Amino acid sequence: MGASAFKSIWAELRGTSFSQGWIDAGGISTRYLHSGDTARPPLILLHGVGGHAEAYIRNLKSHGECFSVWAVDMIGHGWTDKSLEPVEIPRYIDHLLRFMDAAKIERAHFSGESLGGWVAARMAIDHPDRVDRLVLNTAGGSQADPRVMERLKTLSLQAASDPSWEFIKARLEWLMADKSKVFDDLIATRQAIYAQPGMKEAMPANMILQELEVRRRNMLYADDYARIEAPTLVLWTSHDPTADVSEGRRMATMIPGALFTVMDGCGHWPQFEDPEVFNRIHLQFLAGGVPPEAERVG
């Protein structure tokens, strides 16, 4: 493979002023990637289940020019402390509140993908005083599809039990509409995370929301979404593997005043698969505007 063909995370971060660090969030060592002046409005980016902050490496530079951006490894994930106890939505919320307090963030914009969107929505419902604007990116929490849940659980547990190249690659390819977007350096990064001590034991705790009974008691319903006060953008994709466009639109209609838009040609990681389009839409909304692709459905 020629040097010009190799795609790396470092290349994605080229020209980006950023830092990696760990903060004690109420006893939980929490890893983050940060970009931007801390005097700017805070923006917290939340990955999906089994994920990590690198989900946002293609967004740090552009967003760091306008915000103080924090891509956080949630509890049990990435290089943050692991949990052997099942991690349900209230525990994710508690961890994030501790993180915000430790980082001296009173309020922030929240943008979450998949599980991150589920957590961000719950944060906006239960703690409206901590949330400014809200982006729900192929967000979970609104439905329980046993086929999707079983597929996600199987791939994740398999990858953590045997973090071989092929298993990790399959787990990442599940996220993408264009499988070629899963480049080697991304696989190697997740492989290192999944191979770290304690991840095999922690993964079942991370996957507890894929159990039907547990998921149902954590789900968000119409009455919950109706309580969201933050200006909200629901962003969906044409090839999301967890739910089709109609589910994203249904979610948006339950949120007062919500905007809804669809990114074509993307799967579950639109912020990574098509960062140029995502960054433009995302930044315009976070700045208080209405992206031309978006429609008001809530």
Protein backbone atom coordinates (compact mmCIF):
# COMPACT_ATOMS: atom_id res chain seq x y z
CA MET A 1 0.00 0.00 0.00
CA GLY A 2 1.45 3.35 -1.01
CA ALA A 3 1.91 6.10 1.52
CA SER A 4 -0.71 8.24 -0.23
CA ALA A 5 -3.33 5.50 0.23
CA PHE A 6 -2.83 5.05 3.96
CA LYS A 7 -5.48 6.73 6.07
CA SER A 8 -4.63 7.47 9.69
CA ILE A 9 -6.21 9.15 12.67
CA TRP A 10 -3.17 11.44 12.87
CA ALA A 11 -3.83 12.55 9.30
CA GLU A 12 -7.42 13.36 10.28
CA LEU A 13 -6.13 15.51 13.14
CA ARG A 14 -3.47 17.23 11.06
CA GLY A 15 -3.78 20.98 11.49
CA THR A 16 -6.06 20.57 14.52
CA SER A 17 -5.14 22.04 17.87
CA PHE A 18 -6.39 19.50 20.38
CA SER A 19 -5.53 17.78 23.62
CA GLN A 20 -6.18 14.37 25.12
CA GLY A 21 -6.63 14.08 28.85
CA TRP A 22 -8.20 12.33 31.80
CA ILE A 23 -10.30 14.00 34.47
CA ASP A 24 -11.53 12.63 37.79
CA ALA A 25 -15.31 12.71 37.39
CA GLY A 26 -16.42 11.90 40.92
CA GLY A 27 -14.05 8.97 41.20
CA ILE A 28 -14.31 7.88 37.55
CA SER A 29 -11.17 8.47 35.52
CA THR A 30 -12.67 9.89 32.34
CA ARG A 31 -10.82 10.30 29.08
CA TYR A 32 -11.61 13.09 26.64
CA LEU A 33 -10.42 14.80 23.48
CA HIS A 34 -10.68 18.58 23.61
CA SER A 35 -10.40 21.27 20.96
CA GLY A 36 -11.07 25.00 21.08
CA ASP A 37 -10.70 27.85 23.52
CA THR A 38 -12.36 27.09 26.86
CA ALA A 39 -13.78 30.63 26.82
CA ARG A 40 -16.05 29.58 23.95
CA PRO A 41 -19.45 27.92 24.47
CA PRO A 42 -19.01 24.26 25.53
CA LEU A 43 -20.06 21.45 23.21
CA ILE A 44 -20.11 17.84 24.45
CA LEU A 45 -19.96 15.04 21.85
CA LEU A 46 -21.16 11.57 22.87
CA HIS A 47 -20.34 8.33 21.03
CA GLY A 48 -22.45 5.19 20.66
CA VAL A 49 -22.42 1.92 22.59
CA GLY A 50 -19.05 0.20 22.37
CA GLY A 51 -17.62 3.40 20.93
CA HIS A 52 -15.11 6.06 21.93
CA ALA A 53 -14.11 9.67 21.33
CA GLU A 54 -12.39 8.89 18.01
CA ALA A 55 -15.86 8.79 16.47
CA TYR A 56 -15.47 12.59 16.26
CA ILE A 57 -11.90 13.01 15.00
CA ARG A 58 -13.21 14.44 11.70
CA ASN A 59 -15.24 17.09 13.52
CA LEU A 60 -12.85 18.47 16.14
CA LYS A 61 -11.08 21.02 13.95
CA SER A 62 -14.13 22.75 12.49
CA HIS A 63 -16.07 22.72 15.73
CA GLY A 64 -13.08 23.79 17.81
CA GLU A 65 -13.00 27.03 15.83
CA CYS A 66 -16.39 27.98 17.30
CA PHE A 67 -16.77 25.98 20.52
CA SER A 68 -14.93 24.46 23.44
CA VAL A 69 -15.40 20.89 22.22
CA TRP A 70 -15.27 17.85 24.48
CA ALA A 71 -15.50 14.37 22.92
CA VAL A 72 -15.93 12.17 25.99
CA ASP A 73 -15.40 8.45 26.53
CA MET A 74 -18.51 7.57 28.53
CA ILE A 75 -18.30 5.29 31.55
CA GLY A 76 -17.29 1.75 30.57
CA HIS A 77 -16.09 2.88 27.14
CA GLY A 78 -12.87 3.85 25.41
CA TRP A 79 -10.12 4.63 27.92
CA THR A 80 -12.50 5.71 30.70
CA ASP A 81 -12.84 3.51 33.80
CA LYS A 82 -14.79 0.32 33.25
CA SER A 83 -17.83 -0.92 35.15
CA LEU A 84 -18.72 -4.47 36.06
CA GLU A 85 -22.19 -3.33 37.15
CA PRO A 86 -24.81 -2.92 34.39
CA VAL A 87 -24.71 0.58 32.94
CA GLU A 88 -28.21 1.91 32.33
CA ILE A 89 -29.12 5.42 31.20
CA PRO A 90 -29.26 7.03 34.69
CA ARG A 91 -25.67 5.90 35.31
CA TYR A 92 -24.48 7.50 32.07
CA ILE A 93 -26.25 10.70 33.10
CA ASP A 94 -24.68 10.65 36.56
CA HIS A 95 -21.23 10.18 35.05
CA LEU A 96 -21.68 13.07 32.62
CA LEU A 97 -22.91 15.39 35.34
CA ARG A 98 -19.82 14.51 37.36
CA PHE A 99 -17.67 15.17 34.29
CA MET A 100 -19.29 18.55 33.69
CA ASP A 101 -18.81 19.54 37.31
CA ALA A 102 -15.15 18.45 37.28
CA ALA A 103 -14.53 20.35 34.03
CA LYS A 104 -16.42 23.37 35.40
CA ILE A 105 -19.01 23.24 32.62
CA GLU A 106 -22.28 24.72 33.84
CA ARG A 107 -24.21 24.35 30.56
CA ALA A 108 -23.31 22.89 27.19
CA HIS A 109 -24.58 22.06 23.77
CA PHE A 110 -24.96 18.28 23.45
CA SER A 111 -24.62 16.18 20.32
CA GLY A 112 -24.93 12.42 20.64
CA GLU A 113 -24.77 9.55 18.18
CA SER A 114 -26.76 6.34 18.83
CA LEU A 115 -26.45 5.63 22.59
CA GLY A 116 -24.91 9.09 22.94
CA GLY A 117 -28.08 10.61 21.49
CA TRP A 118 -30.20 8.60 23.89
CA VAL A 119 -28.14 9.87 26.83
CA ALA A 120 -28.15 13.45 25.50
CA ALA A 121 -31.94 13.41 25.13
CA ARG A 122 -32.38 12.10 28.68
CA MET A 123 -30.01 14.81 29.90
CA ALA A 124 -32.16 17.46 28.21
CA ILE A 125 -35.31 15.96 29.74
CA ASP A 126 -34.06 15.61 33.31
CA HIS A 127 -31.54 18.46 33.48
CA PRO A 128 -32.75 21.22 31.15
CA ASP A 129 -30.64 23.74 33.06
CA ARG A 130 -27.46 21.98 31.83
CA VAL A 131 -28.38 21.80 28.12
CA ASP A 132 -28.37 24.59 25.53
CA ARG A 133 -28.92 23.13 22.05
CA LEU A 134 -29.35 19.43 21.31
CA VAL A 135 -28.46 17.24 18.31
CA LEU A 136 -29.78 13.67 18.18
CA ASN A 137 -27.70 11.86 15.55
CA THR A 138 -29.18 8.44 14.57
CA ALA A 139 -30.12 8.37 18.24
CA GLY A 140 -31.25 5.35 20.20
CA GLY A 141 -33.86 5.18 22.91
CA SER A 142 -37.11 5.44 20.97
CA GLN A 143 -37.62 1.81 20.01
CA ALA A 144 -36.63 -1.78 20.74
CA ASP A 145 -35.90 -3.92 17.68
CA PRO A 146 -34.82 -7.40 18.90
CA ARG A 147 -33.01 -8.18 15.63
CA VAL A 148 -30.87 -5.04 15.77
CA MET A 149 -30.25 -5.47 19.50
CA GLU A 150 -29.10 -9.07 19.10
CA ARG A 151 -26.83 -8.21 16.16
CA LEU A 152 -25.21 -5.34 18.04
CA LYS A 153 -24.76 -7.37 21.21
CA THR A 154 -23.30 -10.36 19.38
CA LEU A 155 -20.77 -8.31 17.40
CA SER A 156 -19.69 -6.30 20.43
CA LEU A 157 -19.29 -9.23 22.83
CA GLN A 158 -17.43 -11.19 20.17
CA ALA A 159 -15.06 -8.30 19.47
CA ALA A 160 -14.32 -7.82 23.18
CA SER A 161 -13.82 -11.56 23.80
CA ASP A 162 -11.54 -11.98 20.81
CA PRO A 163 -10.33 -8.55 19.62
CA SER A 164 -8.95 -9.94 16.39
CA TRP A 165 -8.58 -7.71 13.37
CA GLU A 166 -11.48 -9.34 11.53
CA PHE A 167 -13.92 -9.13 14.43
CA ILE A 168 -13.12 -5.48 15.11
CA LYS A 169 -13.36 -4.71 11.41
CA ALA A 170 -16.80 -6.37 11.20
CA ARG A 171 -18.02 -4.37 14.20
CA LEU A 172 -16.92 -1.10 12.58
CA GLU A 173 -18.22 -2.03 9.12
CA TRP A 174 -21.66 -2.52 10.66
CA LEU A 175 -21.66 1.23 11.33
CA MET A 176 -20.87 2.36 7.79
CA ALA A 177 -22.85 2.52 4.57
CA ASP A 178 -19.55 2.57 2.65
CA LYS A 179 -17.41 -0.18 4.20
CA SER A 180 -14.25 1.33 2.68
CA LYS A 181 -14.52 4.15 5.24
CA VAL A 182 -13.32 1.64 7.87
CA PHE A 183 -9.62 2.28 7.39
CA ASP A 184 -6.85 0.30 9.07
CA ASP A 185 -5.85 2.90 11.63
CA LEU A 186 -9.42 3.12 12.94
CA ILE A 187 -9.52 -0.67 13.31
CA ALA A 188 -6.19 -0.62 15.15
CA THR A 189 -7.41 2.08 17.52
CA ARG A 190 -10.55 0.18 18.47
CA GLN A 191 -8.58 -3.06 18.67
CA ALA A 192 -6.30 -1.50 21.30
CA ILE A 193 -9.32 -0.28 23.26
CA TYR A 194 -11.09 -3.63 23.14
CA ALA A 195 -7.90 -5.53 24.05
CA GLN A 196 -7.21 -3.50 27.20
CA PRO A 197 -7.49 -5.27 30.57
CA GLY A 198 -11.04 -5.34 31.86
CA MET A 199 -12.85 -4.68 28.58
CA LYS A 200 -13.94 -8.30 28.08
CA GLU A 201 -15.47 -8.30 31.56
CA ALA A 202 -17.00 -4.84 31.12
CA MET A 203 -18.63 -5.34 27.74
CA PRO A 204 -21.65 -7.31 29.06
CA ALA A 205 -22.33 -4.40 31.45
CA ASN A 206 -22.09 -1.98 28.52
CA MET A 207 -24.49 -4.06 26.42
CA ILE A 208 -27.22 -4.36 29.07
CA LEU A 209 -29.47 -1.96 27.14
CA GLN A 210 -29.65 -4.58 24.38
CA GLU A 211 -31.67 -6.79 26.77
CA LEU A 212 -35.35 -6.21 26.00
CA GLU A 213 -36.69 -5.81 29.54
CA VAL A 214 -33.86 -3.47 30.54
CA ARG A 215 -34.17 -1.47 27.36
CA ARG A 216 -37.89 -0.94 27.81
CA ARG A 217 -37.50 0.56 31.27
CA ASN A 218 -34.89 3.00 29.92
CA MET A 219 -36.67 3.92 26.69
CA LEU A 220 -37.95 7.39 25.91
CA TYR A 221 -41.64 7.77 25.10
CA ALA A 222 -43.77 10.57 23.71
CA ASP A 223 -44.30 12.15 27.13
CA ASP A 224 -40.52 12.16 27.67
CA TYR A 225 -39.66 13.75 24.33
CA ALA A 226 -42.39 16.35 24.89
CA ARG A 227 -40.45 17.63 27.91
CA ILE A 228 -37.38 18.59 25.88
CA GLU A 229 -37.06 22.37 26.02
CA ALA A 230 -33.72 22.73 24.21
CA PRO A 231 -33.77 23.64 20.51
CA THR A 232 -33.29 20.24 18.88
CA LEU A 233 -32.07 18.86 15.55
CA VAL A 234 -32.77 15.20 14.81
CA LEU A 235 -30.32 14.05 12.16
CA TRP A 236 -30.88 10.71 10.44
CA THR A 237 -29.32 8.88 7.51
CA SER A 238 -30.48 6.99 4.45
CA HIS A 239 -28.69 3.76 5.44
CA ASP A 240 -28.83 3.67 9.22
CA PRO A 241 -28.61 -0.01 10.33
CA THR A 242 -30.60 0.53 13.54
CA ALA A 243 -33.76 2.19 12.20
CA ASP A 244 -35.02 3.69 8.96
CA VAL A 245 -35.77 7.32 8.24
CA SER A 246 -39.37 7.03 9.40
CA GLU A 247 -38.21 6.32 12.96
CA GLY A 248 -36.01 9.40 12.96
CA ARG A 249 -38.89 11.52 11.72
CA ARG A 250 -41.21 10.01 14.36
CA MET A 251 -38.70 10.94 17.06
CA ALA A 252 -38.51 14.51 15.77
CA THR A 253 -42.30 14.93 15.70
CA MET A 254 -42.45 14.18 19.44
CA ILE A 255 -40.02 17.01 20.35
CA PRO A 256 -41.51 20.52 20.46
CA GLY A 257 -40.19 22.65 17.62
CA ALA A 258 -37.64 20.06 16.50
CA LEU A 259 -35.88 20.20 13.15
CA PHE A 260 -35.34 17.04 11.10
CA THR A 261 -32.88 16.28 8.33
CA VAL A 262 -31.53 13.22 6.50
CA MET A 263 -27.97 12.70 5.24
CA ASP A 264 -27.82 10.51 2.15
CA GLY A 265 -25.25 7.77 1.63
CA CYS A 266 -24.39 7.37 5.31
CA GLY A 267 -24.98 4.69 7.94
CA HIS A 268 -24.66 5.04 11.69
CA TRP A 269 -21.63 7.39 11.79
CA PRO A 270 -22.54 10.30 9.49
CA GLN A 271 -20.18 12.63 11.37
CA PHE A 272 -17.33 10.33 10.27
CA GLU A 273 -18.61 9.11 6.91
CA ASP A 274 -19.40 12.55 5.43
CA PRO A 275 -17.81 15.15 7.71
CA GLU A 276 -18.06 17.99 5.19
CA VAL A 277 -21.86 17.81 5.05
CA PHE A 278 -22.25 16.91 8.70
CA ASN A 279 -20.02 19.74 9.93
CA ARG A 280 -21.86 22.31 7.83
CA ILE A 281 -25.32 21.23 9.02
CA HIS A 282 -24.20 20.75 12.61
CA LEU A 283 -22.38 24.06 12.95
CA GLN A 284 -25.19 26.03 11.37
CA PHE A 285 -27.72 24.58 13.80
CA LEU A 286 -25.48 25.00 16.86
CA ALA A 287 -24.91 28.64 15.89
CA GLY A 288 -28.69 29.19 16.07
CA GLY A 289 -29.49 28.83 12.39
CA VAL A 290 -31.71 26.49 10.39
CA PRO A 291 -29.79 24.34 7.90
CA PRO A 292 -31.40 24.53 4.44
CA GLU A 293 -31.84 20.74 4.39
CA ALA A 294 -33.79 20.74 7.65
CA GLU A 295 -37.54 20.92 8.10
CA ARG A 296 -39.45 21.77 11.24
CA VAL A 297 -41.59 18.78 12.18
CA GLY A 298 -41.91 19.01 15.96
